[in-house]
Amino acid sequence: RRKIRAPRPSMGHVVPRDAREAAKGGSKNPTLRPQGKARDFGMNNPSMLKILGGTARGRRLDSPEVYLRPMMGKVREAVFSTFTSFGLFDDGISTRHLDIFSGSGSVGLESLSRGASHATFVDFSRDCCDTVERNAKWCRFEEEGQIRVVCSDYLQALRDPTSVGIPPGTTYEIVTLTPPYEEVVYADLIDGVANSPIVTDDTVVMIEYPVELGCLPHVLTRKDGGALVGVRNRRYGRTVIAMYVVNPTGRLEVANSRPEDFIEF
């Protein structure tokens, strides 16, 4: 089995123990390290992140002094190609993006680069939050109100956003959740975002999850009787990207329900 350097044992509900394969060495079986913990002295920055499109294209991003599993470049490009096809960055559209588990801020900053009017970054690590602020300045996203950085637990930010400094009544057109796979309970994560006051009709919610989790449901129900309807569910190696639209009104014309995407892999 691969050695896991983490403060607590792996959670079977996220990565079933019987799904783990014996390590054979090489790059396909790297040592798993806990996100949000300081890297060993002398370890090279493993990500070499950069902005892929838009006004800040090519800008390399600083990384915090913690272990991160950033979204792969090819996955981020596919995600933003889909967002663009939904018309979220069209001229005259004001898109607000909530980037939860922001890490270095690569997802939210990519959104700003492509035309989002605002991005809120949420991460529990103070080091990550400081890194987001540095990267935002490096990418020249310094206009008043363009970014907000929140150092908070993700569930508190979703369930009680005003308690972490998000203004009352704030809603977002995009919410992205890219959690450390083995350190979250996905049932809590999904419940938190589905019933959060920060989502509204036609909010696009993106959830990244591991293939070992199985397949997320096509429809996520809300406590108020509404629903998040699945419009994309794509696998990229071990990573799966699911996209939902909250109470779709039809305004996002190409974001159609796709139950055929939400099948077992």
C-alpha atoms as a PDB file:
ATOM      1  CA  ARG A   1       0.000   0.000   0.000  1.00  0.00           C
ATOM      2  CA  ARG A   2       1.062   3.578  -0.597  1.00  0.00           C
ATOM      3  CA  LYS A   3       2.303   5.358   2.480  1.00  0.00           C
ATOM      4  CA  ILE A   4      -0.025   8.141   3.571  1.00  0.00           C
ATOM      5  CA  ARG A   5       1.514  10.910   5.631  1.00  0.00           C
ATOM      6  CA  ALA A   6      -1.613  12.362   7.196  1.00  0.00           C
ATOM      7  CA  PRO A   7      -2.715  13.370  10.710  1.00  0.00           C
ATOM      8  CA  ARG A   8      -5.606  10.932  10.628  1.00  0.00           C
ATOM      9  CA  PRO A   9      -6.395   7.678   8.824  1.00  0.00           C
ATOM     10  CA  SER A  10      -7.885   7.669   5.340  1.00  0.00           C
ATOM     11  CA  MET A  11     -11.651   7.872   5.226  1.00  0.00           C
ATOM     12  CA  GLY A  12     -13.181   4.791   3.652  1.00  0.00           C
ATOM     13  CA  HIS A  13     -16.228   6.709   2.463  1.00  0.00           C
ATOM     14  CA  VAL A  14     -13.970   8.796   0.200  1.00  0.00           C
ATOM     15  CA  VAL A  15     -11.384   6.300  -1.011  1.00  0.00           C
ATOM     16  CA  PRO A  16     -12.450   2.737  -0.209  1.00  0.00           C
ATOM     17  CA  ARG A  17      -9.596   0.742   1.200  1.00  0.00           C
ATOM     18  CA  ASP A  18     -10.213  -2.116  -1.211  1.00  0.00           C
ATOM     19  CA  ALA A  19      -9.771   0.305  -4.107  1.00  0.00           C
ATOM     20  CA  ARG A  20      -6.158   0.985  -3.221  1.00  0.00           C
ATOM     21  CA  GLU A  21      -3.500  -0.841  -5.211  1.00  0.00           C
ATOM     22  CA  ALA A  22      -0.101  -1.884  -3.993  1.00  0.00           C
ATOM     23  CA  ALA A  23       2.515   0.676  -4.931  1.00  0.00           C
ATOM     24  CA  LYS A  24       4.703  -0.322  -7.851  1.00  0.00           C
ATOM     25  CA  GLY A  25       6.949   2.695  -7.665  1.00  0.00           C
ATOM     26  CA  GLY A  26       7.405   5.426 -10.242  1.00  0.00           C
ATOM     27  CA  SER A  27       5.385   8.548 -10.865  1.00  0.00           C
ATOM     28  CA  LYS A  28       2.076   6.664 -10.976  1.00  0.00           C
ATOM     29  CA  ASN A  29       2.287   5.805  -7.281  1.00  0.00           C
ATOM     30  CA  PRO A  30       3.642   8.874  -5.483  1.00  0.00           C
ATOM     31  CA  THR A  31       3.626   9.206  -1.729  1.00  0.00           C
ATOM     32  CA  LEU A  32       0.379  10.856  -0.649  1.00  0.00           C
ATOM     33  CA  ARG A  33       0.886  13.892   1.556  1.00  0.00           C
ATOM     34  CA  PRO A  34      -1.699  15.783   3.594  1.00  0.00           C
ATOM     35  CA  GLN A  35      -2.797  19.065   2.101  1.00  0.00           C
ATOM     36  CA  GLY A  36      -2.458  22.145   4.250  1.00  0.00           C
ATOM     37  CA  LYS A  37       0.656  20.864   6.058  1.00  0.00           C
ATOM     38  CA  ALA A  38       4.110  22.345   5.607  1.00  0.00           C
ATOM     39  CA  ARG A  39       6.316  20.783   2.942  1.00  0.00           C
ATOM     40  CA  ASP A  40       9.654  19.279   3.895  1.00  0.00           C
ATOM     41  CA  PHE A  41      12.558  21.692   3.758  1.00  0.00           C
ATOM     42  CA  GLY A  42      14.114  21.741   0.333  1.00  0.00           C
ATOM     43  CA  MET A  43      11.172  20.174  -1.533  1.00  0.00           C
ATOM     44  CA  ASN A  44      10.685  21.777  -4.930  1.00  0.00           C
ATOM     45  CA  ASN A  45       7.429  23.477  -5.795  1.00  0.00           C
ATOM     46  CA  PRO A  46       5.571  20.585  -7.454  1.00  0.00           C
ATOM     47  CA  SER A  47       2.917  22.546  -9.318  1.00  0.00           C
ATOM     48  CA  MET A  48       4.500  25.280 -11.488  1.00  0.00           C
ATOM     49  CA  LEU A  49       1.027  26.783 -11.838  1.00  0.00           C
ATOM     50  CA  LYS A  50       0.215  29.468 -14.357  1.00  0.00           C
ATOM     51  CA  ILE A  51      -2.833  31.237 -15.750  1.00  0.00           C
ATOM     52  CA  LEU A  52      -3.942  29.536 -18.965  1.00  0.00           C
ATOM     53  CA  GLY A  53      -6.126  32.140 -20.674  1.00  0.00           C
ATOM     54  CA  GLY A  54      -7.397  35.691 -20.622  1.00  0.00           C
ATOM     55  CA  THR A  55      -5.765  38.949 -19.609  1.00  0.00           C
ATOM     56  CA  ALA A  56      -3.255  37.316 -17.243  1.00  0.00           C
ATOM     57  CA  ARG A  57      -2.419  34.395 -19.525  1.00  0.00           C
ATOM     58  CA  GLY A  58       1.046  32.960 -18.902  1.00  0.00           C
ATOM     59  CA  ARG A  59       1.471  34.506 -15.457  1.00  0.00           C
ATOM     60  CA  ARG A  60       3.117  31.973 -13.175  1.00  0.00           C
ATOM     61  CA  LEU A  61       1.611  31.662  -9.722  1.00  0.00           C
ATOM     62  CA  ASP A  62       3.336  31.444  -6.382  1.00  0.00           C
ATOM     63  CA  SER A  63       2.615  28.382  -4.246  1.00  0.00           C
ATOM     64  CA  PRO A  64       2.210  28.298  -0.459  1.00  0.00           C
ATOM     65  CA  GLU A  65       4.558  26.418   1.832  1.00  0.00           C
ATOM     66  CA  VAL A  66       2.068  23.589   2.219  1.00  0.00           C
ATOM     67  CA  TYR A  67       1.264  20.429   0.306  1.00  0.00           C
ATOM     68  CA  LEU A  68      -1.276  21.080  -2.421  1.00  0.00           C
ATOM     69  CA  ARG A  69      -2.956  18.969  -5.089  1.00  0.00           C
ATOM     70  CA  PRO A  70      -3.816  21.729  -7.563  1.00  0.00           C
ATOM     71  CA  MET A  71      -6.209  21.126 -10.420  1.00  0.00           C
ATOM     72  CA  MET A  72      -4.257  19.843 -13.425  1.00  0.00           C
ATOM     73  CA  GLY A  73      -3.839  22.320 -16.253  1.00  0.00           C
ATOM     74  CA  LYS A  74      -5.729  20.168 -18.768  1.00  0.00           C
ATOM     75  CA  VAL A  75      -8.628  19.837 -16.324  1.00  0.00           C
ATOM     76  CA  ARG A  76      -8.726  23.558 -15.597  1.00  0.00           C
ATOM     77  CA  GLU A  77      -8.711  24.289 -19.326  1.00  0.00           C
ATOM     78  CA  ALA A  78     -11.625  21.892 -19.870  1.00  0.00           C
ATOM     79  CA  VAL A  79     -13.563  23.395 -16.953  1.00  0.00           C
ATOM     80  CA  PHE A  80     -13.185  26.944 -18.222  1.00  0.00           C
ATOM     81  CA  SER A  81     -13.990  25.931 -21.771  1.00  0.00           C
ATOM     82  CA  THR A  82     -17.304  24.660 -20.402  1.00  0.00           C
ATOM     83  CA  PHE A  83     -17.904  27.807 -18.337  1.00  0.00           C
ATOM     84  CA  THR A  84     -17.234  29.890 -21.451  1.00  0.00           C
ATOM     85  CA  SER A  85     -19.679  27.805 -23.493  1.00  0.00           C
ATOM     86  CA  PHE A  86     -22.318  28.564 -20.842  1.00  0.00           C
ATOM     87  CA  GLY A  87     -21.852  32.264 -21.596  1.00  0.00           C
ATOM     88  CA  LEU A  88     -20.516  33.078 -18.136  1.00  0.00           C
ATOM     89  CA  PHE A  89     -17.757  35.314 -19.507  1.00  0.00           C
ATOM     90  CA  ASP A  90     -19.678  36.968 -22.322  1.00  0.00           C
ATOM     91  CA  ASP A  91     -19.457  40.742 -22.741  1.00  0.00           C
ATOM     92  CA  GLY A  92     -21.918  42.528 -20.516  1.00  0.00           C
ATOM     93  CA  ILE A  93     -22.224  39.597 -18.103  1.00  0.00           C
ATOM     94  CA  SER A  94     -21.171  40.192 -14.493  1.00  0.00           C
ATOM     95  CA  THR A  95     -19.984  36.858 -13.130  1.00  0.00           C
ATOM     96  CA  ARG A  96     -19.063  36.424  -9.471  1.00  0.00           C
ATOM     97  CA  HIS A  97     -16.988  33.356  -8.593  1.00  0.00           C
ATOM     98  CA  LEU A  98     -16.645  31.618  -5.212  1.00  0.00           C
ATOM     99  CA  ASP A  99     -13.472  29.506  -5.113  1.00  0.00           C
ATOM    100  CA  ILE A 100     -13.570  27.154  -2.097  1.00  0.00           C
ATOM    101  CA  PHE A 101     -10.428  25.195  -1.114  1.00  0.00           C
ATOM    102  CA  SER A 102      -8.662  27.875  -3.130  1.00  0.00           C
ATOM    103  CA  GLY A 103      -5.054  26.876  -2.357  1.00  0.00           C
ATOM    104  CA  SER A 104      -2.902  29.205  -4.438  1.00  0.00           C
ATOM    105  CA  GLY A 105      -6.028  30.704  -6.028  1.00  0.00           C
ATOM    106  CA  SER A 106      -5.441  29.286  -9.510  1.00  0.00           C
ATOM    107  CA  VAL A 107      -9.119  28.531 -10.219  1.00  0.00           C
ATOM    108  CA  GLY A 108     -10.573  31.860  -9.106  1.00  0.00           C
ATOM    109  CA  LEU A 109      -7.725  33.833 -10.683  1.00  0.00           C
ATOM    110  CA  GLU A 110      -8.265  31.988 -13.965  1.00  0.00           C
ATOM    111  CA  SER A 111     -11.880  33.119 -13.781  1.00  0.00           C
ATOM    112  CA  LEU A 112     -10.896  36.755 -13.247  1.00  0.00           C
ATOM    113  CA  SER A 113      -8.447  36.537 -16.119  1.00  0.00           C
ATOM    114  CA  ARG A 114     -11.221  35.325 -18.431  1.00  0.00           C
ATOM    115  CA  GLY A 115     -13.682  38.046 -17.477  1.00  0.00           C
ATOM    116  CA  ALA A 116     -15.276  37.404 -14.080  1.00  0.00           C
ATOM    117  CA  SER A 117     -16.058  40.627 -12.246  1.00  0.00           C
ATOM    118  CA  HIS A 118     -15.259  39.314  -8.764  1.00  0.00           C
ATOM    119  CA  ALA A 119     -13.793  36.277  -7.016  1.00  0.00           C
ATOM    120  CA  THR A 120     -14.044  35.257  -3.377  1.00  0.00           C
ATOM    121  CA  PHE A 121     -11.382  32.816  -2.207  1.00  0.00           C
ATOM    122  CA  VAL A 122     -11.961  30.560   0.796  1.00  0.00           C
ATOM    123  CA  ASP A 123      -9.272  28.429   2.424  1.00  0.00           C
ATOM    124  CA  PHE A 124      -8.640  27.280   5.978  1.00  0.00           C
ATOM    125  CA  SER A 125      -4.869  27.791   5.667  1.00  0.00           C
ATOM    126  CA  ARG A 126      -3.561  31.265   6.413  1.00  0.00           C
ATOM    127  CA  ASP A 127      -0.546  30.500   4.239  1.00  0.00           C
ATOM    128  CA  CYS A 128      -2.828  29.749   1.283  1.00  0.00           C
ATOM    129  CA  CYS A 129      -4.821  32.930   1.827  1.00  0.00           C
ATOM    130  CA  ASP A 130      -1.632  35.018   1.905  1.00  0.00           C
ATOM    131  CA  THR A 131      -0.507  33.311  -1.313  1.00  0.00           C
ATOM    132  CA  VAL A 132      -3.806  34.158  -3.031  1.00  0.00           C
ATOM    133  CA  GLU A 133      -3.338  37.820  -2.166  1.00  0.00           C
ATOM    134  CA  ARG A 134       0.213  37.791  -3.572  1.00  0.00           C
ATOM    135  CA  ASN A 135      -0.905  36.067  -6.756  1.00  0.00           C
ATOM    136  CA  ALA A 136      -3.822  38.465  -7.243  1.00  0.00           C
ATOM    137  CA  LYS A 137      -1.416  41.409  -7.135  1.00  0.00           C
ATOM    138  CA  TRP A 138       0.997  39.644  -9.466  1.00  0.00           C
ATOM    139  CA  CYS A 139      -1.869  39.136 -11.945  1.00  0.00           C
ATOM    140  CA  ARG A 140      -2.884  42.800 -11.462  1.00  0.00           C
ATOM    141  CA  PHE A 141      -6.312  42.089 -10.047  1.00  0.00           C
ATOM    142  CA  GLU A 142      -6.162  45.017  -7.669  1.00  0.00           C
ATOM    143  CA  GLU A 143      -9.347  46.952  -8.369  1.00  0.00           C
ATOM    144  CA  GLU A 144     -11.471  47.707  -5.330  1.00  0.00           C
ATOM    145  CA  GLY A 145     -13.989  44.928  -4.766  1.00  0.00           C
ATOM    146  CA  GLN A 146     -12.428  42.628  -7.354  1.00  0.00           C
ATOM    147  CA  ILE A 147     -11.306  39.988  -4.857  1.00  0.00           C
ATOM    148  CA  ARG A 148     -12.105  38.898  -1.318  1.00  0.00           C
ATOM    149  CA  VAL A 149      -9.970  36.412   0.618  1.00  0.00           C
ATOM    150  CA  VAL A 150     -11.605  34.503   3.477  1.00  0.00           C
ATOM    151  CA  CYS A 151      -9.618  32.338   5.881  1.00  0.00           C
ATOM    152  CA  SER A 152     -12.327  29.982   7.111  1.00  0.00           C
ATOM    153  CA  ASP A 153     -13.632  26.452   7.341  1.00  0.00           C
ATOM    154  CA  TYR A 154     -15.503  25.660   4.143  1.00  0.00           C
ATOM    155  CA  LEU A 155     -18.717  24.530   5.836  1.00  0.00           C
ATOM    156  CA  GLN A 156     -18.969  27.693   7.882  1.00  0.00           C
ATOM    157  CA  ALA A 157     -18.468  29.767   4.733  1.00  0.00           C
ATOM    158  CA  LEU A 158     -21.216  27.843   2.938  1.00  0.00           C
ATOM    159  CA  ARG A 159     -23.736  27.651   5.770  1.00  0.00           C
ATOM    160  CA  ASP A 160     -23.184  31.044   7.397  1.00  0.00           C
ATOM    161  CA  PRO A 161     -21.312  33.247   4.915  1.00  0.00           C
ATOM    162  CA  THR A 162     -21.926  36.497   6.786  1.00  0.00           C
ATOM    163  CA  SER A 163     -20.054  35.097   9.809  1.00  0.00           C
ATOM    164  CA  VAL A 164     -16.850  34.907   7.753  1.00  0.00           C
ATOM    165  CA  GLY A 165     -17.142  38.364   6.205  1.00  0.00           C
ATOM    166  CA  ILE A 166     -19.160  37.713   3.042  1.00  0.00           C
ATOM    167  CA  PRO A 167     -21.756  40.519   2.848  1.00  0.00           C
ATOM    168  CA  PRO A 168     -25.402  39.599   3.501  1.00  0.00           C
ATOM    169  CA  GLY A 169     -27.352  38.746   0.379  1.00  0.00           C
ATOM    170  CA  THR A 170     -24.246  37.942  -1.673  1.00  0.00           C
ATOM    171  CA  THR A 171     -24.743  35.257  -4.331  1.00  0.00           C
ATOM    172  CA  TYR A 172     -22.432  33.829  -6.977  1.00  0.00           C
ATOM    173  CA  GLU A 173     -22.799  32.711 -10.574  1.00  0.00           C
ATOM    174  CA  ILE A 174     -19.984  30.146 -10.202  1.00  0.00           C
ATOM    175  CA  VAL A 175     -19.048  28.071  -7.167  1.00  0.00           C
ATOM    176  CA  THR A 176     -16.068  25.718  -7.454  1.00  0.00           C
ATOM    177  CA  LEU A 177     -15.166  23.126  -4.826  1.00  0.00           C
ATOM    178  CA  THR A 178     -11.808  21.397  -5.198  1.00  0.00           C
ATOM    179  CA  PRO A 179     -11.305  19.684  -1.831  1.00  0.00           C
ATOM    180  CA  PRO A 180      -8.518  17.430  -0.563  1.00  0.00           C
ATOM    181  CA  TYR A 181     -10.166  14.115  -1.378  1.00  0.00           C
ATOM    182  CA  GLU A 182      -9.308  12.260   1.814  1.00  0.00           C
ATOM    183  CA  GLU A 183      -9.994  15.053   4.284  1.00  0.00           C
ATOM    184  CA  VAL A 184     -13.619  15.949   3.572  1.00  0.00           C
ATOM    185  CA  VAL A 185     -16.932  14.182   3.976  1.00  0.00           C
ATOM    186  CA  TYR A 186     -18.542  14.606   0.574  1.00  0.00           C
ATOM    187  CA  ALA A 187     -22.059  14.211   1.966  1.00  0.00           C
ATOM    188  CA  ASP A 188     -21.458  17.285   4.157  1.00  0.00           C
ATOM    189  CA  LEU A 189     -19.838  19.177   1.288  1.00  0.00           C
ATOM    190  CA  ILE A 190     -22.765  18.531  -1.058  1.00  0.00           C
ATOM    191  CA  ASP A 191     -25.359  19.356   1.597  1.00  0.00           C
ATOM    192  CA  GLY A 192     -23.482  22.542   2.441  1.00  0.00           C
ATOM    193  CA  VAL A 193     -23.351  23.906  -1.085  1.00  0.00           C
ATOM    194  CA  ALA A 194     -26.814  22.683  -2.150  1.00  0.00           C
ATOM    195  CA  ASN A 195     -28.496  24.518   0.716  1.00  0.00           C
ATOM    196  CA  SER A 196     -26.174  27.503   0.957  1.00  0.00           C
ATOM    197  CA  PRO A 197     -27.600  31.039   0.781  1.00  0.00           C
ATOM    198  CA  ILE A 198     -24.773  31.983  -1.592  1.00  0.00           C
ATOM    199  CA  VAL A 199     -26.270  30.001  -4.494  1.00  0.00           C
ATOM    200  CA  THR A 200     -29.308  31.114  -6.468  1.00  0.00           C
ATOM    201  CA  ASP A 201     -31.183  30.201  -9.641  1.00  0.00           C
ATOM    202  CA  ASP A 202     -28.750  29.261 -12.443  1.00  0.00           C
ATOM    203  CA  THR A 203     -25.658  29.236 -10.212  1.00  0.00           C
ATOM    204  CA  VAL A 204     -23.167  26.782 -11.721  1.00  0.00           C
ATOM    205  CA  VAL A 205     -21.634  24.536  -9.054  1.00  0.00           C
ATOM    206  CA  MET A 206     -18.516  22.538  -9.904  1.00  0.00           C
ATOM    207  CA  ILE A 207     -17.452  19.686  -7.614  1.00  0.00           C
ATOM    208  CA  GLU A 208     -14.154  17.846  -8.035  1.00  0.00           C
ATOM    209  CA  TYR A 209     -14.081  14.327  -6.611  1.00  0.00           C
ATOM    210  CA  PRO A 210     -12.068  11.088  -6.911  1.00  0.00           C
ATOM    211  CA  VAL A 211     -13.205   8.262  -9.159  1.00  0.00           C
ATOM    212  CA  GLU A 212     -13.017   5.905  -6.161  1.00  0.00           C
ATOM    213  CA  LEU A 213     -16.053   7.671  -4.740  1.00  0.00           C
ATOM    214  CA  GLY A 214     -18.218   6.222  -7.491  1.00  0.00           C
ATOM    215  CA  CYS A 215     -20.533   8.565  -9.364  1.00  0.00           C
ATOM    216  CA  LEU A 216     -22.362  11.528  -7.871  1.00  0.00           C
ATOM    217  CA  PRO A 217     -26.146  11.634  -8.383  1.00  0.00           C
ATOM    218  CA  HIS A 218     -27.573  13.361 -11.438  1.00  0.00           C
ATOM    219  CA  VAL A 219     -29.878  15.490  -9.270  1.00  0.00           C
ATOM    220  CA  LEU A 220     -29.094  16.891  -5.810  1.00  0.00           C
ATOM    221  CA  THR A 221     -32.193  17.951  -3.902  1.00  0.00           C
ATOM    222  CA  ARG A 222     -32.409  21.034  -1.711  1.00  0.00           C
ATOM    223  CA  LYS A 223     -34.234  21.371   1.580  1.00  0.00           C
ATOM    224  CA  ASP A 224     -36.455  24.099   0.112  1.00  0.00           C
ATOM    225  CA  GLY A 225     -37.708  21.761  -2.612  1.00  0.00           C
ATOM    226  CA  GLY A 226     -35.337  23.022  -5.303  1.00  0.00           C
ATOM    227  CA  ALA A 227     -32.630  21.014  -6.999  1.00  0.00           C
ATOM    228  CA  LEU A 228     -29.152  21.054  -8.492  1.00  0.00           C
ATOM    229  CA  VAL A 229     -29.370  19.403 -11.913  1.00  0.00           C
ATOM    230  CA  GLY A 230     -26.285  17.722 -13.340  1.00  0.00           C
ATOM    231  CA  VAL A 231     -25.107  19.085 -16.695  1.00  0.00           C
ATOM    232  CA  ARG A 232     -21.582  17.621 -16.933  1.00  0.00           C
ATOM    233  CA  ASN A 233     -19.694  14.742 -15.301  1.00  0.00           C
ATOM    234  CA  ARG A 234     -16.315  14.011 -16.844  1.00  0.00           C
ATOM    235  CA  ARG A 235     -13.407  11.836 -15.756  1.00  0.00           C
ATOM    236  CA  TYR A 236      -9.752  12.852 -16.132  1.00  0.00           C
ATOM    237  CA  GLY A 237      -7.681   9.969 -14.810  1.00  0.00           C
ATOM    238  CA  ARG A 238      -8.426   9.727 -11.085  1.00  0.00           C
ATOM    239  CA  THR A 239     -10.175  13.118 -11.078  1.00  0.00           C
ATOM    240  CA  VAL A 240     -13.863  13.558 -11.860  1.00  0.00           C
ATOM    241  CA  ILE A 241     -15.461  16.951 -12.488  1.00  0.00           C
ATOM    242  CA  ALA A 242     -19.205  17.270 -11.919  1.00  0.00           C
ATOM    243  CA  MET A 243     -21.143  20.415 -12.821  1.00  0.00           C
ATOM    244  CA  TYR A 244     -24.618  21.285 -11.635  1.00  0.00           C
ATOM    245  CA  VAL A 245     -27.006  24.170 -12.253  1.00  0.00           C
ATOM    246  CA  VAL A 246     -29.124  25.331  -9.326  1.00  0.00           C
ATOM    247  CA  ASN A 247     -32.850  25.539 -10.136  1.00  0.00           C
ATOM    248  CA  PRO A 248     -32.171  25.940 -13.878  1.00  0.00           C
ATOM    249  CA  THR A 249     -34.394  28.516 -15.575  1.00  0.00           C
ATOM    250  CA  GLY A 250     -33.157  27.923 -19.118  1.00  0.00           C
ATOM    251  CA  ARG A 251     -31.111  31.135 -19.201  1.00  0.00           C
ATOM    252  CA  LEU A 252     -27.916  29.088 -19.661  1.00  0.00           C
ATOM    253  CA  GLU A 253     -29.001  27.697 -23.008  1.00  0.00           C
ATOM    254  CA  VAL A 254     -26.318  25.045 -23.526  1.00  0.00           C
ATOM    255  CA  ALA A 255     -26.247  23.906 -19.877  1.00  0.00           C
ATOM    256  CA  ASN A 256     -28.730  21.135 -20.468  1.00  0.00           C
ATOM    257  CA  SER A 257     -29.484  18.247 -18.125  1.00  0.00           C
ATOM    258  CA  ARG A 258     -27.318  15.224 -18.975  1.00  0.00           C
ATOM    259  CA  PRO A 259     -28.356  12.170 -16.994  1.00  0.00           C
ATOM    260  CA  GLU A 260     -26.281  10.005 -19.322  1.00  0.00           C
ATOM    261  CA  ASP A 261     -23.104  11.586 -17.898  1.00  0.00           C
ATOM    262  CA  PHE A 262     -23.955  10.460 -14.365  1.00  0.00           C
ATOM    263  CA  ILE A 263     -23.359   6.729 -14.640  1.00  0.00           C
ATOM    264  CA  GLU A 264     -20.902   4.440 -12.884  1.00  0.00           C
ATOM    265  CA  PHE A 265     -17.388   4.579 -14.300  1.00  0.00           C
END
